[in-house]
Every structure is written in structure tokens, then in C-alpha cells.
PDB file of N, CA and C in Angstrom:
ATOM      1  N   UNK A   1      76.079  95.377 100.189  1.00  0.00           N
ATOM      2  CA  UNK A   1      76.557  94.491 101.215  1.00  0.00           C
ATOM      3  C   UNK A   1      77.167  95.330 102.349  1.00  0.00           C
ATOM      4  N   UNK A   2      76.858  95.004 103.588  1.00  0.00           N
ATOM      5  CA  UNK A   2      77.431  95.726 104.721  1.00  0.00           C
ATOM      6  C   UNK A   2      78.941  95.529 104.811  1.00  0.00           C
ATOM      7  N   UNK A   3      79.614  96.538 105.332  1.00  0.00           N
ATOM      8  CA  UNK A   3      81.061  96.482 105.501  1.00  0.00           C
ATOM      9  C   UNK A   3      81.400  96.794 106.952  1.00  0.00           C
ATOM     10  N   UNK A   4      82.082  95.869 107.617  1.00  0.00           N
ATOM     11  CA  UNK A   4      82.509  96.055 109.002  1.00  0.00           C
ATOM     12  C   UNK A   4      83.978  96.441 108.994  1.00  0.00           C
ATOM     13  N   UNK A   5      84.295  97.565 109.635  1.00  0.00           N
ATOM     14  CA  UNK A   5      85.672  98.023 109.743  1.00  0.00           C
ATOM     15  C   UNK A   5      86.034  98.127 111.223  1.00  0.00           C
ATOM     16  N   UNK A   6      87.138  97.496 111.588  1.00  0.00           N
ATOM     17  CA  UNK A   6      87.590  97.506 112.974  1.00  0.00           C
ATOM     18  C   UNK A   6      88.929  98.228 113.049  1.00  0.00           C
ATOM     19  N   UNK A   7      89.015  99.198 113.945  1.00  0.00           N
ATOM     20  CA  UNK A   7      90.263  99.913 114.179  1.00  0.00           C
ATOM     21  C   UNK A   7      91.050  99.113 115.222  1.00  0.00           C
ATOM     22  N   UNK A   8      92.083  98.385 114.817  1.00  0.00           N
ATOM     23  CA  UNK A   8      92.796  97.514 115.750  1.00  0.00           C
ATOM     24  C   UNK A   8      93.433  98.260 116.924  1.00  0.00           C
ATOM     25  N   UNK A   9      93.845  99.495 116.722  1.00  0.00           N
ATOM     26  CA  UNK A   9      94.508 100.227 117.798  1.00  0.00           C
ATOM     27  C   UNK A   9      93.544 100.735 118.866  1.00  0.00           C
ATOM     28  N   UNK A  10      92.263 100.790 118.566  1.00  0.00           N
ATOM     29  CA  UNK A  10      91.266 101.189 119.564  1.00  0.00           C
ATOM     30  C   UNK A  10      90.733  99.998 120.347  1.00  0.00           C
ATOM     31  N   UNK A  11      90.857  98.804 119.796  1.00  0.00           N
ATOM     32  CA  UNK A  11      90.290  97.593 120.394  1.00  0.00           C
ATOM     33  C   UNK A  11      91.113  97.153 121.601  1.00  0.00           C
ATOM     34  N   UNK A  12      90.434  96.814 122.698  1.00  0.00           N
ATOM     35  CA  UNK A  12      91.133  96.317 123.886  1.00  0.00           C
ATOM     36  C   UNK A  12      90.943  94.816 124.088  1.00  0.00           C
ATOM     37  N   UNK A  13      90.314  94.152 123.124  1.00  0.00           N
ATOM     38  CA  UNK A  13      90.197  92.701 123.156  1.00  0.00           C
ATOM     39  C   UNK A  13      89.197  92.163 124.150  1.00  0.00           C
ATOM     40  N   UNK A  14      88.118  92.874 124.414  1.00  0.00           N
ATOM     41  CA  UNK A  14      87.125  92.430 125.393  1.00  0.00           C
ATOM     42  C   UNK A  14      86.240  91.290 124.876  1.00  0.00           C
ATOM     43  N   UNK A  15      86.203  91.101 123.570  1.00  0.00           N
ATOM     44  CA  UNK A  15      85.442  90.042 122.895  1.00  0.00           C
ATOM     45  C   UNK A  15      83.923  90.208 122.982  1.00  0.00           C
ATOM     46  N   UNK A  16      83.429  91.361 123.400  1.00  0.00           N
ATOM     47  CA  UNK A  16      81.980  91.577 123.447  1.00  0.00           C
ATOM     48  C   UNK A  16      81.364  91.523 122.052  1.00  0.00           C
ATOM     49  N   UNK A  17      82.063  92.041 121.058  1.00  0.00           N
ATOM     50  CA  UNK A  17      81.547  92.037 119.688  1.00  0.00           C
ATOM     51  C   UNK A  17      81.469  90.614 119.131  1.00  0.00           C
ATOM     52  N   UNK A  18      82.430  89.786 119.482  1.00  0.00           N
ATOM     53  CA  UNK A  18      82.449  88.401 119.009  1.00  0.00           C
ATOM     54  C   UNK A  18      81.225  87.659 119.536  1.00  0.00           C
ATOM     55  N   UNK A  19      80.885  87.892 120.793  1.00  0.00           N
ATOM     56  CA  UNK A  19      79.731  87.240 121.413  1.00  0.00           C
ATOM     57  C   UNK A  19      78.428  87.816 120.866  1.00  0.00           C
ATOM     58  N   UNK A  20      78.386  89.114 120.588  1.00  0.00           N
ATOM     59  CA  UNK A  20      77.162  89.780 120.155  1.00  0.00           C
ATOM     60  C   UNK A  20      76.774  89.494 118.708  1.00  0.00           C
ATOM     61  N   UNK A  21      77.723  89.133 117.871  1.00  0.00           N
ATOM     62  CA  UNK A  21      77.440  88.952 116.438  1.00  0.00           C
ATOM     63  C   UNK A  21      76.569  87.727 116.191  1.00  0.00           C
ATOM     64  N   UNK A  22      75.359  87.918 115.637  1.00  0.00           N
ATOM     65  CA  UNK A  22      74.476  86.776 115.386  1.00  0.00           C
ATOM     66  C   UNK A  22      74.945  85.886 114.231  1.00  0.00           C
ATOM     67  N   UNK A  23      75.795  86.395 113.369  1.00  0.00           N
ATOM     68  CA  UNK A  23      76.291  85.634 112.224  1.00  0.00           C
ATOM     69  C   UNK A  23      77.656  85.005 112.486  1.00  0.00           C
ATOM     70  N   UNK A  24      78.257  85.279 113.621  1.00  0.00           N
ATOM     71  CA  UNK A  24      79.574  84.749 114.001  1.00  0.00           C
ATOM     72  C   UNK A  24      80.634  85.055 112.939  1.00  0.00           C
ATOM     73  N   UNK A  25      80.693  86.315 112.519  1.00  0.00           N
ATOM     74  CA  UNK A  25      81.688  86.695 111.503  1.00  0.00           C
ATOM     75  C   UNK A  25      82.926  87.334 112.111  1.00  0.00           C
ATOM     76  N   UNK A  26      82.946  87.514 113.435  1.00  0.00           N
ATOM     77  CA  UNK A  26      84.076  88.135 114.103  1.00  0.00           C
ATOM     78  C   UNK A  26      84.837  87.107 114.930  1.00  0.00           C
ATOM     79  N   UNK A  27      86.133  87.325 115.052  1.00  0.00           N
ATOM     80  CA  UNK A  27      86.988  86.464 115.865  1.00  0.00           C
ATOM     81  C   UNK A  27      88.149  87.316 116.368  1.00  0.00           C
ATOM     82  N   UNK A  28      88.906  86.779 117.277  1.00  0.00           N
ATOM     83  CA  UNK A  28      90.047  87.496 117.816  1.00  0.00           C
ATOM     84  C   UNK A  28      91.285  87.186 116.979  1.00  0.00           C
ATOM     85  N   UNK A  29      92.074  88.217 116.728  1.00  0.00           N
ATOM     86  CA  UNK A  29      93.289  88.089 115.938  1.00  0.00           C
ATOM     87  C   UNK A  29      94.379  87.403 116.745  1.00  0.00           C
ATOM     88  N   UNK A  30      95.317  86.799 116.068  1.00  0.00           N
ATOM     89  CA  UNK A  30      96.491  86.208 116.708  1.00  0.00           C
ATOM     90  C   UNK A  30      97.598  87.245 116.880  1.00  0.00           C
ATOM     91  N   UNK A  31      97.385  88.439 116.331  1.00  0.00           N
ATOM     92  CA  UNK A  31      98.358  89.520 116.411  1.00  0.00           C
ATOM     93  C   UNK A  31      97.996  90.456 117.570  1.00  0.00           C
ATOM     94  N   UNK A  32      98.965  91.223 118.022  1.00  0.00           N
ATOM     95  CA  UNK A  32      98.771  92.145 119.134  1.00  0.00           C
ATOM     96  C   UNK A  32      98.828  93.580 118.600  1.00  0.00           C
ATOM     97  N   UNK A  33      97.914  94.439 119.105  1.00  0.00           N
ATOM     98  CA  UNK A  33      97.911  95.836 118.670  1.00  0.00           C
ATOM     99  C   UNK A  33      98.936  96.647 119.460  1.00  0.00           C
ATOM    100  N   UNK A  34      98.977  97.948 119.251  1.00  0.00           N
ATOM    101  CA  UNK A  34      99.978  98.805 119.891  1.00  0.00           C
ATOM    102  C   UNK A  34      99.784  98.920 121.401  1.00  0.00           C
ATOM    103  N   UNK A  35      98.587  98.602 121.883  1.00  0.00           N
ATOM    104  CA  UNK A  35      98.327  98.644 123.320  1.00  0.00           C
ATOM    105  C   UNK A  35      98.642  97.315 124.008  1.00  0.00           C
ATOM    106  N   UNK A  36      98.959  96.288 123.224  1.00  0.00           N
ATOM    107  CA  UNK A  36      99.298  94.990 123.788  1.00  0.00           C
ATOM    108  C   UNK A  36      98.139  94.032 123.913  1.00  0.00           C
ATOM    109  N   UNK A  37      97.042  94.281 123.187  1.00  0.00           N
ATOM    110  CA  UNK A  37      95.872  93.419 123.240  1.00  0.00           C
ATOM    111  C   UNK A  37      95.710  92.653 121.928  1.00  0.00           C
ATOM    112  N   UNK A  38      95.113  91.459 122.024  1.00  0.00           N
ATOM    113  CA  UNK A  38      94.650  90.765 120.828  1.00  0.00           C
ATOM    114  C   UNK A  38      93.364  91.468 120.417  1.00  0.00           C
ATOM    115  N   UNK A  39      93.258  91.882 119.177  1.00  0.00           N
ATOM    116  CA  UNK A  39      92.115  92.673 118.733  1.00  0.00           C
ATOM    117  C   UNK A  39      91.146  91.834 117.897  1.00  0.00           C
ATOM    118  N   UNK A  40      89.921  92.338 117.765  1.00  0.00           N
ATOM    119  CA  UNK A  40      88.898  91.665 116.972  1.00  0.00           C
ATOM    120  C   UNK A  40      89.178  91.852 115.490  1.00  0.00           C
ATOM    121  N   UNK A  41      88.778  90.872 114.695  1.00  0.00           N
ATOM    122  CA  UNK A  41      88.910  90.988 113.239  1.00  0.00           C
ATOM    123  C   UNK A  41      87.718  90.313 112.579  1.00  0.00           C
ATOM    124  N   UNK A  42      87.463  90.710 111.350  1.00  0.00           N
ATOM    125  CA  UNK A  42      86.366  90.142 110.560  1.00  0.00           C
ATOM    126  C   UNK A  42      86.900  88.910 109.835  1.00  0.00           C
ATOM    127  N   UNK A  43      86.193  87.778 109.978  1.00  0.00           N
ATOM    128  CA  UNK A  43      86.660  86.565 109.315  1.00  0.00           C
ATOM    129  C   UNK A  43      85.781  86.152 108.133  1.00  0.00           C
ATOM    130  N   UNK A  44      84.510  86.577 108.128  1.00  0.00           N
ATOM    131  CA  UNK A  44      83.612  86.221 107.022  1.00  0.00           C
ATOM    132  C   UNK A  44      82.715  87.403 106.668  1.00  0.00           C
ATOM    133  N   UNK A  45      83.278  88.407 106.035  1.00  0.00           N
ATOM    134  CA  UNK A  45      82.566  89.635 105.689  1.00  0.00           C
ATOM    135  C   UNK A  45      81.268  89.412 104.899  1.00  0.00           C
ATOM    136  N   UNK A  46      81.237  88.520 103.906  1.00  0.00           N
ATOM    137  CA  UNK A  46      80.005  88.367 103.107  1.00  0.00           C
ATOM    138  C   UNK A  46      78.778  87.917 103.901  1.00  0.00           C
ATOM    139  N   UNK A  47      78.974  87.318 105.059  1.00  0.00           N
ATOM    140  CA  UNK A  47      77.845  86.849 105.872  1.00  0.00           C
ATOM    141  C   UNK A  47      77.234  87.942 106.743  1.00  0.00           C
ATOM    142  N   UNK A  48      77.832  89.130 106.779  1.00  0.00           N
ATOM    143  CA  UNK A  48      77.345  90.226 107.615  1.00  0.00           C
ATOM    144  C   UNK A  48      75.960  90.682 107.148  1.00  0.00           C
ATOM    145  N   UNK A  49      75.038  90.859 108.100  1.00  0.00           N
ATOM    146  CA  UNK A  49      73.683  91.301 107.777  1.00  0.00           C
ATOM    147  C   UNK A  49      73.468  92.784 108.085  1.00  0.00           C
ATOM    148  N   UNK A  50      74.502  93.454 108.606  1.00  0.00           N
ATOM    149  CA  UNK A  50      74.422  94.889 108.866  1.00  0.00           C
ATOM    150  C   UNK A  50      73.614  95.265 110.096  1.00  0.00           C
ATOM    151  N   UNK A  51      73.501  94.400 111.071  1.00  0.00           N
ATOM    152  CA  UNK A  51      72.690  94.680 112.256  1.00  0.00           C
ATOM    153  C   UNK A  51      73.346  95.694 113.196  1.00  0.00           C
ATOM    154  N   UNK A  52      74.658  95.859 113.112  1.00  0.00           N
ATOM    155  CA  UNK A  52      75.441  96.796 113.912  1.00  0.00           C
ATOM    156  C   UNK A  52      75.506  96.459 115.387  1.00  0.00           C
ATOM    157  N   UNK A  53      75.134  95.258 115.779  1.00  0.00           N
ATOM    158  CA  UNK A  53      75.222  94.891 117.189  1.00  0.00           C
ATOM    159  C   UNK A  53      76.661  94.957 117.687  1.00  0.00           C
ATOM    160  N   UNK A  54      77.604  94.618 116.838  1.00  0.00           N
ATOM    161  CA  UNK A  54      79.020  94.681 117.218  1.00  0.00           C
ATOM    162  C   UNK A  54      79.434  96.114 117.524  1.00  0.00           C
ATOM    163  N   UNK A  55      79.014  97.053 116.685  1.00  0.00           N
ATOM    164  CA  UNK A  55      79.367  98.460 116.867  1.00  0.00           C
ATOM    165  C   UNK A  55      78.659  99.062 118.080  1.00  0.00           C
ATOM    166  N   UNK A  56      77.443  98.644 118.325  1.00  0.00           N
ATOM    167  CA  UNK A  56      76.676  99.173 119.453  1.00  0.00           C
ATOM    168  C   UNK A  56      77.269  98.711 120.779  1.00  0.00           C
ATOM    169  N   UNK A  57      77.700  97.455 120.854  1.00  0.00           N
ATOM    170  CA  UNK A  57      78.196  96.911 122.116  1.00  0.00           C
ATOM    171  C   UNK A  57      79.651  97.265 122.397  1.00  0.00           C
ATOM    172  N   UNK A  58      80.389  97.715 121.399  1.00  0.00           N
ATOM    173  CA  UNK A  58      81.812  98.005 121.564  1.00  0.00           C
ATOM    174  C   UNK A  58      82.024  99.206 122.493  1.00  0.00           C
ATOM    175  N   UNK A  59      82.661  99.004 123.662  1.00  0.00           N
ATOM    176  CA  UNK A  59      82.867 100.115 124.597  1.00  0.00           C
ATOM    177  C   UNK A  59      83.951 101.098 124.137  1.00  0.00           C
ATOM    178  N   UNK A  60      84.768 100.699 123.183  1.00  0.00           N
ATOM    179  CA  UNK A  60      85.869 101.543 122.726  1.00  0.00           C
ATOM    180  C   UNK A  60      85.593 102.245 121.402  1.00  0.00           C
ATOM    181  N   UNK A  61      84.405 102.059 120.844  1.00  0.00           N
ATOM    182  CA  UNK A  61      84.020 102.646 119.556  1.00  0.00           C
ATOM    183  C   UNK A  61      85.033 102.296 118.473  1.00  0.00           C
ATOM    184  N   UNK A  62      85.486 101.054 118.477  1.00  0.00           N
ATOM    185  CA  UNK A  62      86.496 100.600 117.523  1.00  0.00           C
ATOM    186  C   UNK A  62      85.888 100.029 116.252  1.00  0.00           C
ATOM    187  N   UNK A  63      84.560  99.897 116.192  1.00  0.00           N
ATOM    188  CA  UNK A  63      83.914  99.235 115.055  1.00  0.00           C
ATOM    189  C   UNK A  63      82.969 100.194 114.346  1.00  0.00           C
ATOM    190  N   UNK A  64      83.088 100.251 113.023  1.00  0.00           N
ATOM    191  CA  UNK A  64      82.167 101.002 112.169  1.00  0.00           C
ATOM    192  C   UNK A  64      81.531 100.029 111.194  1.00  0.00           C
ATOM    193  N   UNK A  65      80.224 100.157 111.001  1.00  0.00           N
ATOM    194  CA  UNK A  65      79.511  99.323 110.039  1.00  0.00           C
ATOM    195  C   UNK A  65      78.875 100.236 109.008  1.00  0.00           C
ATOM    196  N   UNK A  66      79.217 100.034 107.749  1.00  0.00           N
ATOM    197  CA  UNK A  66      78.631 100.811 106.652  1.00  0.00           C
ATOM    198  C   UNK A  66      77.765  99.885 105.813  1.00  0.00           C
ATOM    199  N   UNK A  67      76.616 100.386 105.426  1.00  0.00           N
ATOM    200  CA  UNK A  67      75.706  99.606 104.587  1.00  0.00           C
ATOM    201  C   UNK A  67      75.506 100.382 103.296  1.00  0.00           C
ATOM    202  N   UNK A  68      75.969  99.807 102.173  1.00  0.00           N
ATOM    203  CA  UNK A  68      75.877 100.457 100.868  1.00  0.00           C
ATOM    204  C   UNK A  68      76.481 101.854 100.887  1.00  0.00           C
ATOM    205  N   UNK A  69      77.639 101.968 101.521  1.00  0.00           N
ATOM    206  CA  UNK A  69      78.407 103.209 101.607  1.00  0.00           C
ATOM    207  C   UNK A  69      77.723 104.276 102.445  1.00  0.00           C
ATOM    208  N   UNK A  70      76.702 103.904 103.212  1.00  0.00           N
ATOM    209  CA  UNK A  70      76.027 104.823 104.107  1.00  0.00           C
ATOM    210  C   UNK A  70      76.181 104.284 105.521  1.00  0.00           C
ATOM    211  N   UNK A  71      76.635 105.124 106.427  1.00  0.00           N
ATOM    212  CA  UNK A  71      76.794 104.689 107.804  1.00  0.00           C
ATOM    213  C   UNK A  71      75.581 105.153 108.602  1.00  0.00           C
ATOM    214  N   UNK A  72      74.881 104.213 109.199  1.00  0.00           N
ATOM    215  CA  UNK A  72      73.706 104.521 109.988  1.00  0.00           C
ATOM    216  C   UNK A  72      74.088 104.682 111.445  1.00  0.00           C
ATOM    217  N   UNK A  73      73.560 105.716 112.090  1.00  0.00           N
ATOM    218  CA  UNK A  73      73.834 105.978 113.503  1.00  0.00           C
ATOM    219  C   UNK A  73      72.551 105.724 114.289  1.00  0.00           C
ATOM    220  N   UNK A  74      72.612 104.782 115.221  1.00  0.00           N
ATOM    221  CA  UNK A  74      71.463 104.548 116.076  1.00  0.00           C
ATOM    222  C   UNK A  74      71.455 105.499 117.277  1.00  0.00           C
ATOM    223  N   UNK A  75      72.644 105.902 117.694  1.00  0.00           N
ATOM    224  CA  UNK A  75      72.777 106.776 118.842  1.00  0.00           C
ATOM    225  C   UNK A  75      73.689 107.939 118.473  1.00  0.00           C
ATOM    226  N   UNK A  76      73.383 109.101 118.986  1.00  0.00           N
ATOM    227  CA  UNK A  76      74.293 110.225 118.765  1.00  0.00           C
ATOM    228  C   UNK A  76      75.103 110.401 120.038  1.00  0.00           C
ATOM    229  N   UNK A  77      76.417 110.407 119.885  1.00  0.00           N
ATOM    230  CA  UNK A  77      77.302 110.493 121.051  1.00  0.00           C
ATOM    231  C   UNK A  77      77.743 111.916 121.254  1.00  0.00           C
TER     232      UNK A  77
END
């Protein structure tokens, strides 16, 4: 099963990942991170299909997606 991990302190709350997720498993937190932004959080992990669209669209590189303990890289930065 894919695992989505979000680093709350890197997130600036742009909500691009929430819009990009085809399974609608992401939402914005009611809590504020150290930078003063509401950050993205995973609300329904089991529904994740591992497409990595959230990680690809994230401008702050705050999201990592692992599939079966292997992290796939589509782009090398």
C-alpha cells in the first residue's frame, strides 16, 4: 500500500496537492505550522493509489510517496 508523508514545516498551504489528488485523500489541517500556514494532511491513507501527483505538483517538496517501502523518483532534482 502506498504511504504519503507530508512534512508540515515545509508546506506553505498552497493547496495544489489537494486539488491534484484524484482520490481526494488530502485536506488542509486546522493547525498552523511553524511558518504560520495551514498545512496539508492525509485524511484517508488507504485510498491512495500511489500516483505521486501530489508530490510532483508540490512546489516546496513537502510530500514524499513511498510504495511498498520503495520511493520512486520521476524527476531527478
